[in-house]
Amino acid sequence: MPYLKPVLAGLLASAITYLCFLTWLHWKAVSLVKEQGATGLIAVTGAQVYVLHSPSFWALAIIAFGVVFFLFRNA
């Protein structure tokens, strides 16, 4: 049972980071599509892929996971 708290903290950190970055990903993709004046599902999907390949997205995701994991593990 001593490993239960870190495991739950990791799962909770993953869930919170996932939901926050899904919102950010959608917002960024929609703004890219509006900037280009494109419409349709392919334009939104292409913008999402563009954001997912961005190094800043992954850096922010890793930092957010670490912060949330640290906060919930020590709570």
C-alpha atoms as a PDB file:
ATOM      1  CA  MET A   1       0.000   0.000   0.000  1.00  0.00           C
ATOM      2  CA  PRO A   2       2.879   2.507   0.247  1.00  0.00           C
ATOM      3  CA  TYR A   3       2.829   2.847  -3.556  1.00  0.00           C
ATOM      4  CA  LEU A   4      -0.859   3.714  -3.747  1.00  0.00           C
ATOM      5  CA  LYS A   5      -0.444   7.463  -3.189  1.00  0.00           C
ATOM      6  CA  PRO A   6       2.182   8.030  -5.945  1.00  0.00           C
ATOM      7  CA  VAL A   7       0.233   5.851  -8.391  1.00  0.00           C
ATOM      8  CA  LEU A   8      -2.992   7.776  -7.763  1.00  0.00           C
ATOM      9  CA  ALA A   9      -1.095  11.068  -7.989  1.00  0.00           C
ATOM     10  CA  GLY A  10       0.331  10.002 -11.355  1.00  0.00           C
ATOM     11  CA  LEU A  11      -3.077   9.018 -12.684  1.00  0.00           C
ATOM     12  CA  LEU A  12      -4.656  12.239 -11.477  1.00  0.00           C
ATOM     13  CA  ALA A  13      -1.789  14.303 -12.899  1.00  0.00           C
ATOM     14  CA  SER A  14      -2.177  12.539 -16.233  1.00  0.00           C
ATOM     15  CA  ALA A  15      -5.924  13.167 -16.313  1.00  0.00           C
ATOM     16  CA  ILE A  16      -5.664  16.845 -15.385  1.00  0.00           C
ATOM     17  CA  THR A  17      -2.817  17.482 -17.819  1.00  0.00           C
ATOM     18  CA  TYR A  18      -4.693  15.636 -20.575  1.00  0.00           C
ATOM     19  CA  LEU A  19      -7.885  17.650 -20.104  1.00  0.00           C
ATOM     20  CA  CYS A  20      -6.078  20.988 -19.866  1.00  0.00           C
ATOM     21  CA  PHE A  21      -4.009  20.355 -22.958  1.00  0.00           C
ATOM     22  CA  LEU A  22      -6.970  19.070 -24.936  1.00  0.00           C
ATOM     23  CA  THR A  23      -8.628  22.408 -24.287  1.00  0.00           C
ATOM     24  CA  TRP A  24      -5.451  24.278 -25.209  1.00  0.00           C
ATOM     25  CA  LEU A  25      -4.949  22.150 -28.315  1.00  0.00           C
ATOM     26  CA  HIS A  26      -8.488  22.809 -29.512  1.00  0.00           C
ATOM     27  CA  TRP A  27      -8.184  26.547 -28.877  1.00  0.00           C
ATOM     28  CA  LYS A  28      -4.824  26.788 -30.663  1.00  0.00           C
ATOM     29  CA  ALA A  29      -6.003  24.707 -33.628  1.00  0.00           C
ATOM     30  CA  VAL A  30      -9.156  26.775 -34.060  1.00  0.00           C
ATOM     31  CA  SER A  31      -7.150  30.001 -33.929  1.00  0.00           C
ATOM     32  CA  LEU A  32      -4.744  28.667 -36.589  1.00  0.00           C
ATOM     33  CA  VAL A  33      -7.659  27.673 -38.821  1.00  0.00           C
ATOM     34  CA  LYS A  34      -9.323  31.080 -38.426  1.00  0.00           C
ATOM     35  CA  GLU A  35      -6.018  32.795 -39.162  1.00  0.00           C
ATOM     36  CA  GLN A  36      -5.668  30.891 -42.424  1.00  0.00           C
ATOM     37  CA  GLY A  37      -9.319  31.300 -43.341  1.00  0.00           C
ATOM     38  CA  ALA A  38      -9.760  27.568 -43.910  1.00  0.00           C
ATOM     39  CA  THR A  39     -12.880  25.588 -43.093  1.00  0.00           C
ATOM     40  CA  GLY A  40     -13.701  21.959 -42.599  1.00  0.00           C
ATOM     41  CA  LEU A  41     -12.560  18.986 -40.614  1.00  0.00           C
ATOM     42  CA  ILE A  42      -9.325  18.502 -42.535  1.00  0.00           C
ATOM     43  CA  ALA A  43      -8.189  22.034 -41.717  1.00  0.00           C
ATOM     44  CA  VAL A  44      -8.860  21.555 -37.990  1.00  0.00           C
ATOM     45  CA  THR A  45      -7.143  18.166 -37.974  1.00  0.00           C
ATOM     46  CA  GLY A  46      -4.137  19.565 -39.789  1.00  0.00           C
ATOM     47  CA  ALA A  47      -3.869  22.403 -37.288  1.00  0.00           C
ATOM     48  CA  GLN A  48      -4.074  19.942 -34.382  1.00  0.00           C
ATOM     49  CA  VAL A  49      -1.285  17.844 -35.878  1.00  0.00           C
ATOM     50  CA  TYR A  50       0.773  20.997 -36.329  1.00  0.00           C
ATOM     51  CA  VAL A  51       0.317  21.903 -32.649  1.00  0.00           C
ATOM     52  CA  LEU A  52       1.101  18.341 -31.497  1.00  0.00           C
ATOM     53  CA  HIS A  53       4.433  18.437 -33.330  1.00  0.00           C
ATOM     54  CA  SER A  54       5.374  21.699 -31.653  1.00  0.00           C
ATOM     55  CA  PRO A  55       8.227  21.373 -29.108  1.00  0.00           C
ATOM     56  CA  SER A  56       6.650  24.051 -26.921  1.00  0.00           C
ATOM     57  CA  PHE A  57       3.513  21.916 -26.556  1.00  0.00           C
ATOM     58  CA  TRP A  58       5.515  18.950 -25.283  1.00  0.00           C
ATOM     59  CA  ALA A  59       7.647  21.090 -22.986  1.00  0.00           C
ATOM     60  CA  LEU A  60       4.531  22.579 -21.406  1.00  0.00           C
ATOM     61  CA  ALA A  61       2.893  19.157 -21.120  1.00  0.00           C
ATOM     62  CA  ILE A  62       5.906  17.668 -19.326  1.00  0.00           C
ATOM     63  CA  ILE A  63       6.210  20.639 -16.973  1.00  0.00           C
ATOM     64  CA  ALA A  64       2.483  20.590 -16.184  1.00  0.00           C
ATOM     65  CA  PHE A  65       2.556  16.857 -15.483  1.00  0.00           C
ATOM     66  CA  GLY A  66       5.524  17.288 -13.140  1.00  0.00           C
ATOM     67  CA  VAL A  67       3.906  20.145 -11.241  1.00  0.00           C
ATOM     68  CA  VAL A  68       0.555  18.407 -10.833  1.00  0.00           C
ATOM     69  CA  PHE A  69       2.223  15.122  -9.877  1.00  0.00           C
ATOM     70  CA  PHE A  70       4.347  16.880  -7.244  1.00  0.00           C
ATOM     71  CA  LEU A  71       1.350  18.746  -5.820  1.00  0.00           C
ATOM     72  CA  PHE A  72      -0.886  15.696  -5.492  1.00  0.00           C
ATOM     73  CA  ARG A  73       1.841  13.360  -4.305  1.00  0.00           C
ATOM     74  CA  ASN A  74       2.712  15.614  -1.362  1.00  0.00           C
ATOM     75  CA  ALA A  75      -0.890  16.537  -0.528  1.00  0.00           C
END
